[in-house]
Protein backbone atom coordinates (compact mmCIF):
# COMPACT_ATOMS: atom_id res chain seq x y z
CA MET A 1 35.46 -18.66 77.07
CA LEU A 2 33.84 -21.82 75.68
CA ARG A 3 32.13 -22.18 72.33
CA SER A 4 30.63 -25.19 70.62
CA LEU A 5 32.21 -26.90 67.60
CA THR A 6 29.98 -29.35 65.74
CA ARG A 7 31.04 -32.25 63.56
CA GLU A 8 28.81 -32.49 60.50
CA GLY A 9 26.02 -34.91 61.38
CA GLY A 10 27.51 -35.57 64.80
CA PRO A 11 27.77 -34.29 68.33
CA SER A 12 29.02 -30.90 69.41
CA TRP A 13 31.69 -30.36 72.03
CA PRO A 14 32.87 -27.33 73.98
CA VAL A 15 35.93 -25.59 72.64
CA SER A 16 38.09 -23.26 74.70
CA THR A 17 38.87 -20.04 72.86
CA LYS A 18 42.07 -19.42 74.83
CA HIS A 19 44.13 -20.62 71.87
CA SER A 20 43.26 -18.70 68.74
CA HIS A 21 43.84 -21.58 66.30
CA SER A 22 42.64 -25.17 66.56
CA SER A 23 42.09 -28.12 64.28
CA ARG A 24 40.23 -31.37 64.90
CA PHE A 25 40.65 -34.41 62.77
CA ASP A 26 39.91 -38.13 62.56
CA ILE A 27 42.52 -40.79 62.00
CA THR A 28 41.30 -44.07 60.50
CA PHE A 29 43.50 -47.13 60.17
CA GLU A 30 42.61 -50.01 57.84
CA GLY A 31 44.32 -53.39 58.12
CA LYS A 32 43.49 -57.06 57.73
CA SER A 33 41.54 -59.12 60.25
CA ALA A 34 42.55 -62.57 61.35
CA HIS A 35 41.52 -64.87 64.15
CA ALA A 36 43.71 -64.31 67.20
CA GLY A 37 44.05 -68.06 67.76
CA PHE A 38 44.84 -68.96 64.16
CA ALA A 39 47.13 -67.50 61.50
CA LEU A 40 48.15 -64.37 63.38
CA ASN A 41 50.77 -63.74 60.71
CA ILE A 42 48.14 -62.78 58.13
CA GLY A 43 46.54 -60.09 60.29
CA ARG A 44 47.41 -56.40 60.14
CA ASN A 45 46.40 -55.04 63.55
CA THR A 46 44.97 -51.54 63.37
CA VAL A 47 44.59 -51.26 67.15
CA GLN A 48 48.34 -51.72 67.52
CA ALA A 49 48.88 -49.06 64.84
CA LEU A 50 46.43 -46.69 66.55
CA VAL A 51 47.92 -46.98 70.04
CA THR A 52 51.43 -46.62 68.59
CA ALA A 53 50.34 -43.43 66.83
CA ALA A 54 48.56 -42.07 69.94
CA SER A 55 51.58 -42.71 72.15
CA ASN A 56 53.91 -41.04 69.66
CA ILE A 57 51.56 -38.06 69.23
CA TYR A 58 51.85 -37.34 72.93
CA GLY A 59 55.61 -37.39 72.46
CA VAL A 60 55.50 -34.45 70.04
CA PRO A 61 57.17 -31.57 71.87
CA CYS A 62 55.20 -28.41 72.38
CA HIS A 63 56.71 -25.36 70.72
CA ALA A 64 59.31 -23.63 72.89
CA GLU A 65 58.29 -20.05 72.06
CA GLU A 66 54.48 -20.12 72.28
CA SER A 67 51.58 -22.15 73.58
CA THR A 68 50.64 -25.31 71.65
CA ARG A 69 48.56 -28.34 72.64
CA VAL A 70 47.67 -31.76 71.30
CA SER A 71 45.04 -34.16 72.56
CA VAL A 72 43.95 -37.62 71.41
CA GLY A 73 40.27 -38.12 72.09
CA GLU A 74 38.13 -41.16 71.50
CA LEU A 75 39.92 -44.30 70.29
CA TRP A 76 37.56 -46.87 68.82
CA SER A 77 37.54 -50.29 67.17
CA ASP A 78 34.49 -52.49 66.69
CA ASN A 79 36.12 -55.91 66.78
CA ALA A 80 35.66 -58.95 68.97
CA ALA A 81 38.38 -59.68 71.51
CA ASP A 82 39.50 -62.80 69.61
CA VAL A 83 39.91 -61.05 66.25
CA ILE A 84 42.82 -58.95 65.06
CA ALA A 85 41.33 -55.53 64.37
CA ASN A 86 41.07 -54.49 60.74
CA HIS A 87 39.61 -51.02 61.44
CA ALA A 88 40.35 -48.47 64.17
CA THR A 89 39.73 -44.74 64.53
CA ALA A 90 40.57 -41.85 66.81
CA ASN A 91 39.85 -38.15 66.91
CA LEU A 92 42.45 -35.57 67.77
CA GLU A 93 42.80 -31.88 68.36
CA ILE A 94 45.76 -29.56 67.98
CA ARG A 95 45.94 -25.97 69.16
CA GLY A 96 48.30 -23.09 68.74
CA ASP A 97 48.34 -19.36 69.42
CA GLU A 98 49.42 -18.58 65.85
CA THR A 99 48.81 -20.17 62.44
CA GLU A 100 52.50 -21.09 62.17
CA LEU A 101 52.37 -22.87 65.54
CA MET A 102 49.30 -24.86 64.59
CA GLU A 103 51.00 -25.82 61.33
CA TYR A 104 54.10 -26.89 63.30
CA MET A 105 51.92 -29.14 65.46
CA ARG A 106 49.96 -30.46 62.47
CA GLU A 107 53.11 -31.45 60.56
CA SER A 108 54.61 -33.08 63.64
CA VAL A 109 51.41 -34.92 64.58
CA TYR A 110 50.67 -36.14 61.01
CA ARG A 111 54.01 -37.98 60.92
CA CYS A 112 52.96 -40.21 63.83
CA PRO A 113 49.99 -42.06 62.25
CA ASN A 114 51.78 -42.33 58.93
CA SER A 115 54.81 -43.90 60.61
CA ALA A 116 52.61 -46.20 62.74
CA ALA A 117 50.73 -47.37 59.63
CA GLU A 118 53.99 -48.20 57.91
CA MET A 119 55.31 -49.95 61.01
CA HIS A 120 52.19 -52.16 61.34
CA ASP A 121 51.61 -52.62 57.59
CA CYS A 122 48.25 -50.82 57.62
CA SER A 123 46.84 -47.89 55.69
CA VAL A 124 45.80 -44.64 57.35
CA ASP A 125 43.50 -41.77 56.42
CA ILE A 126 43.61 -38.40 58.18
CA SER A 127 40.51 -36.22 57.72
CA VAL A 128 40.06 -32.70 59.05
CA ILE A 129 36.63 -32.41 60.71
CA GLY A 130 36.84 -28.85 61.93
CA GLU A 131 39.20 -25.91 62.09
CA VAL A 132 39.10 -22.55 63.83
CA ILE A 133 41.50 -19.78 62.84
CA ARG A 134 41.06 -16.35 64.39
């Protein structure tokens, strides 16, 4: 069964109701821009932080006892190709059959952007945009 989940002021997307618990959230990295051909050392590249986080999120193991899922959706940065990105965002979804399983995935997934931000000397904000618990 599919239902629609709407982000406040934004688009709606179909949501499968197979998993009884799901959470969607945005991850936003903030860094420091610099020209790619000059003074690279002063830049703090948020795109590098974002792709590091996304790759590590997919490495989070699903729970052995029940069904869990994680998906990284849109990755976005509005920077020119010759500028080190100072802002990058992504949206994600986690699912679990039980509240405890969704919490397991949330805790595991939240570590990834926080670690990537530290690794790339950026800041990160994680904002829940929707949650379904049945």
